[in-house]
N, C-alpha and C. Protein backbone atom coordinates (compact mmCIF):
# COMPACT_ATOMS: atom_id res chain seq x y z
N UNK A 1 -45.29 -13.31 -5.80
CA UNK A 1 -44.51 -12.35 -6.88
C UNK A 1 -43.05 -13.38 -7.30
N UNK A 2 -42.52 -12.99 -7.67
CA UNK A 2 -40.91 -13.66 -8.38
C UNK A 2 -40.77 -12.63 -9.09
N UNK A 3 -39.32 -12.43 -8.91
CA UNK A 3 -38.34 -11.35 -9.09
C UNK A 3 -37.08 -12.19 -10.29
N UNK A 4 -37.60 -11.15 -10.91
CA UNK A 4 -37.16 -11.83 -12.12
C UNK A 4 -35.02 -11.47 -12.19
N UNK A 5 -34.43 -11.82 -12.51
CA UNK A 5 -32.54 -12.18 -11.47
C UNK A 5 -32.19 -12.43 -12.92
N UNK A 6 -31.23 -11.53 -13.33
CA UNK A 6 -30.35 -11.96 -14.50
C UNK A 6 -29.13 -11.52 -14.15
N UNK A 7 -27.78 -12.61 -14.17
CA UNK A 7 -26.59 -12.55 -14.03
C UNK A 7 -25.87 -12.68 -15.22
N UNK A 8 -25.14 -11.83 -15.44
CA UNK A 8 -23.95 -11.84 -15.93
C UNK A 8 -22.83 -12.20 -15.98
N UNK A 9 -22.14 -12.55 -16.66
CA UNK A 9 -20.70 -13.02 -17.29
C UNK A 9 -19.75 -13.00 -16.18
N UNK A 10 -19.78 -11.50 -15.71
CA UNK A 10 -19.04 -11.34 -14.52
C UNK A 10 -19.35 -11.74 -13.68
N UNK A 11 -20.23 -11.39 -13.25
CA UNK A 11 -20.79 -12.25 -12.36
C UNK A 11 -20.49 -13.09 -11.96
N UNK A 12 -21.20 -14.18 -12.75
CA UNK A 12 -20.59 -15.24 -12.28
C UNK A 12 -19.37 -16.04 -12.42
N UNK A 13 -18.41 -15.22 -12.99
CA UNK A 13 -16.96 -15.79 -12.69
C UNK A 13 -16.68 -14.95 -11.16
N UNK A 14 -17.46 -14.44 -10.26
CA UNK A 14 -17.34 -13.71 -9.41
C UNK A 14 -17.42 -15.02 -8.66
N UNK A 15 -18.84 -14.96 -8.22
CA UNK A 15 -19.51 -16.55 -7.88
C UNK A 15 -19.36 -17.59 -7.22
N UNK A 16 -17.86 -18.12 -8.76
CA UNK A 16 -17.34 -19.30 -9.12
C UNK A 16 -16.23 -18.98 -7.98
N UNK A 17 -15.83 -17.70 -7.96
CA UNK A 17 -13.97 -17.80 -6.90
C UNK A 17 -14.57 -18.04 -5.41
N UNK A 18 -15.94 -17.27 -5.34
CA UNK A 18 -16.02 -16.96 -3.86
C UNK A 18 -16.60 -18.38 -4.16
N UNK A 19 -17.13 -19.59 -4.30
CA UNK A 19 -17.51 -20.55 -3.60
C UNK A 19 -16.05 -21.12 -3.92
N UNK A 20 -14.97 -21.11 -4.62
CA UNK A 20 -14.15 -22.02 -4.46
C UNK A 20 -13.25 -21.55 -3.09
N UNK A 21 -13.21 -20.57 -2.18
CA UNK A 21 -12.37 -19.62 -1.31
C UNK A 21 -12.64 -19.58 -0.23
N UNK A 22 -14.02 -18.33 -0.78
CA UNK A 22 -14.53 -17.66 -0.47
C UNK A 22 -14.08 -16.26 -0.48
N UNK A 23 -15.01 -15.64 -0.25
CA UNK A 23 -14.20 -14.13 0.05
C UNK A 23 -13.54 -12.95 0.39
N UNK A 24 -12.31 -12.25 0.44
CA UNK A 24 -11.40 -12.04 1.24
C UNK A 24 -11.63 -11.81 2.69
N UNK A 25 -11.45 -11.89 3.50
CA UNK A 25 -11.94 -11.32 4.81
C UNK A 25 -11.32 -9.37 5.03
N UNK A 26 -12.52 -8.63 5.16
CA UNK A 26 -11.51 -7.18 5.30
C UNK A 26 -10.65 -7.34 6.63
N UNK A 27 -9.21 -6.54 6.22
CA UNK A 27 -8.37 -6.91 7.21
C UNK A 27 -9.17 -5.39 8.21
N UNK A 28 -8.54 -6.07 9.94
CA UNK A 28 -9.22 -4.48 10.51
C UNK A 28 -7.81 -4.12 10.63
N UNK A 29 -9.02 -2.79 11.09
CA UNK A 29 -7.64 -1.68 11.22
C UNK A 29 -7.85 -1.57 12.77
N UNK A 30 -6.18 -1.16 13.41
CA UNK A 30 -7.28 -1.10 14.82
C UNK A 30 -7.42 0.93 15.18
N UNK A 31 -8.13 0.72 15.83
CA UNK A 31 -8.31 2.25 16.43
C UNK A 31 -7.12 2.76 16.33
N UNK A 32 -7.05 4.35 16.65
CA UNK A 32 -6.37 4.96 16.73
C UNK A 32 -5.80 4.88 18.15
N UNK A 33 -6.81 4.85 18.57
CA UNK A 33 -6.14 4.63 20.72
C UNK A 33 -5.27 3.55 20.60
N UNK A 34 -5.78 2.43 19.91
CA UNK A 34 -5.59 1.37 19.67
C UNK A 34 -3.95 1.72 19.61
N UNK A 35 -4.07 2.08 18.42
CA UNK A 35 -2.45 1.68 17.70
C UNK A 35 -1.39 1.77 19.01
N UNK A 36 -2.04 3.53 19.10
CA UNK A 36 -1.06 4.17 20.17
C UNK A 36 -0.66 3.62 21.57
N UNK A 37 -1.45 2.51 22.14
CA UNK A 37 -1.24 1.59 22.74
C UNK A 37 -0.41 0.41 22.75
N UNK A 38 -1.08 -0.44 21.70
CA UNK A 38 0.31 -1.06 21.43
C UNK A 38 1.98 -1.10 20.62
N UNK A 39 2.25 0.73 20.48
CA UNK A 39 3.26 1.48 19.91
C UNK A 39 4.06 1.47 21.49
N UNK A 40 3.32 2.28 22.49
CA UNK A 40 3.93 2.06 23.34
C UNK A 40 4.23 0.77 24.37
N UNK A 41 3.21 0.21 24.47
CA UNK A 41 3.39 -1.26 25.20
C UNK A 41 4.91 -1.98 24.64
N UNK A 42 4.89 -2.64 23.49
CA UNK A 42 5.76 -2.74 22.51
C UNK A 42 7.49 -2.09 22.59
N UNK A 43 7.23 -0.74 22.38
CA UNK A 43 8.55 0.42 22.74
C UNK A 43 8.79 0.96 21.02
N UNK A 44 7.73 0.97 20.22
CA UNK A 44 8.04 1.36 19.12
C UNK A 44 8.11 2.58 19.26
N UNK A 45 8.82 3.83 18.74
CA UNK A 45 9.03 4.52 18.46
C UNK A 45 8.79 5.35 16.92
N UNK A 46 7.82 5.84 16.26
CA UNK A 46 7.70 6.99 15.35
C UNK A 46 8.99 7.82 15.02
N UNK A 47 10.09 7.18 13.13
CA UNK A 47 10.94 8.57 13.15
C UNK A 47 10.02 8.84 11.95
N UNK A 48 10.51 10.52 12.07
CA UNK A 48 10.45 10.83 10.76
C UNK A 48 11.66 10.46 9.83
N UNK A 49 11.66 10.18 8.81
CA UNK A 49 13.23 10.57 7.64
C UNK A 49 12.58 12.20 6.84
N UNK A 50 13.74 12.28 6.36
CA UNK A 50 13.79 12.80 5.32
C UNK A 50 14.52 12.28 3.25
N UNK A 51 13.39 11.95 2.61
CA UNK A 51 14.04 11.18 1.59
C UNK A 51 13.89 12.38 0.60
N UNK A 52 14.99 12.28 -0.26
CA UNK A 52 15.21 13.42 -1.30
C UNK A 52 15.05 12.50 -2.68
N UNK A 53 14.01 13.10 -3.50
CA UNK A 53 13.47 12.44 -4.69
C UNK A 53 13.90 12.63 -6.42
N UNK A 54 14.66 12.62 -6.84
CA UNK A 54 15.19 13.41 -8.09
C UNK A 54 14.91 11.85 -9.67
N UNK A 55 14.85 12.33 -10.46
CA UNK A 55 14.81 11.45 -11.67
C UNK A 55 14.15 10.53 -11.09
N UNK A 56 13.17 10.37 -10.37
CA UNK A 56 12.07 9.45 -10.11
C UNK A 56 12.36 8.47 -9.49
N UNK A 57 13.54 8.86 -8.69
CA UNK A 57 14.28 8.13 -7.71
C UNK A 57 14.15 8.55 -6.63
N UNK A 58 14.16 7.56 -5.04
CA UNK A 58 14.44 8.44 -3.80
C UNK A 58 15.28 8.04 -3.59
N UNK A 59 16.21 9.03 -2.63
CA UNK A 59 17.09 9.00 -2.22
C UNK A 59 17.52 8.82 -0.56
N UNK A 60 17.50 8.42 0.28
CA UNK A 60 17.54 8.51 2.01
C UNK A 60 18.97 8.99 2.11
N UNK A 61 19.82 9.47 1.00
CA UNK A 61 21.09 9.78 1.23
C UNK A 61 21.25 11.34 0.44
N UNK A 62 21.09 13.35 0.99
CA UNK A 62 21.79 13.65 -0.26
C UNK A 62 21.91 13.73 -1.36
N UNK A 63 23.53 13.72 -0.65
CA UNK A 63 24.76 12.98 -1.69
C UNK A 63 24.90 12.34 -2.54
N UNK A 64 24.49 11.06 -1.91
CA UNK A 64 23.67 10.26 -3.66
C UNK A 64 22.94 10.78 -4.69
N UNK A 65 22.09 11.28 -3.80
CA UNK A 65 20.97 11.62 -5.10
C UNK A 65 21.56 13.25 -5.92
N UNK A 66 22.39 14.02 -5.21
CA UNK A 66 23.51 14.84 -5.67
C UNK A 66 24.18 14.52 -7.15
N UNK A 67 24.89 12.99 -6.83
CA UNK A 67 26.03 12.28 -7.31
C UNK A 67 24.61 11.93 -8.31
N UNK A 68 23.25 11.46 -8.37
CA UNK A 68 22.73 10.86 -9.41
C UNK A 68 22.06 12.28 -10.41
N UNK A 69 22.22 13.03 -10.06
CA UNK A 69 21.71 14.79 -10.79
C UNK A 69 23.31 14.58 -11.64
N UNK A 70 23.97 14.45 -10.87
CA UNK A 70 26.05 14.89 -11.81
C UNK A 70 25.90 14.00 -12.81
N UNK A 71 25.19 12.90 -12.57
CA UNK A 71 25.80 11.97 -13.89
C UNK A 71 25.46 12.12 -14.59
N UNK A 72 23.82 12.47 -14.98
CA UNK A 72 22.67 12.41 -15.29
C UNK A 72 23.15 13.50 -16.59
N UNK A 73 23.77 14.57 -15.51
CA UNK A 73 24.16 15.61 -16.45
C UNK A 73 25.49 16.19 -17.09
N UNK A 74 26.58 14.95 -16.72
CA UNK A 74 27.79 14.77 -18.10
C UNK A 74 27.13 13.84 -19.16
N UNK A 75 25.87 12.76 -19.04
CA UNK A 75 25.60 12.31 -19.95
C UNK A 75 24.30 13.10 -21.20
N UNK A 76 23.98 14.29 -20.75
CA UNK A 76 23.06 14.75 -21.56
C UNK A 76 24.08 15.86 -22.73
């Protein structure tokens, strides 16, 4: 018994790409416990940051966000 196999044009182009360098290997992300162990091992401390979002831009300084909003109000 033989199976009928048809290849689409898009599949053929993928085959050629994979044959040139192979498929991209998935990146292994460490398990949460492994991540915590590594952070502790290297003395890395997570820090929460406040970000101010205005007009499609993000500011790390509240005064800068306010100044941008004021400049926009003057232009309108």
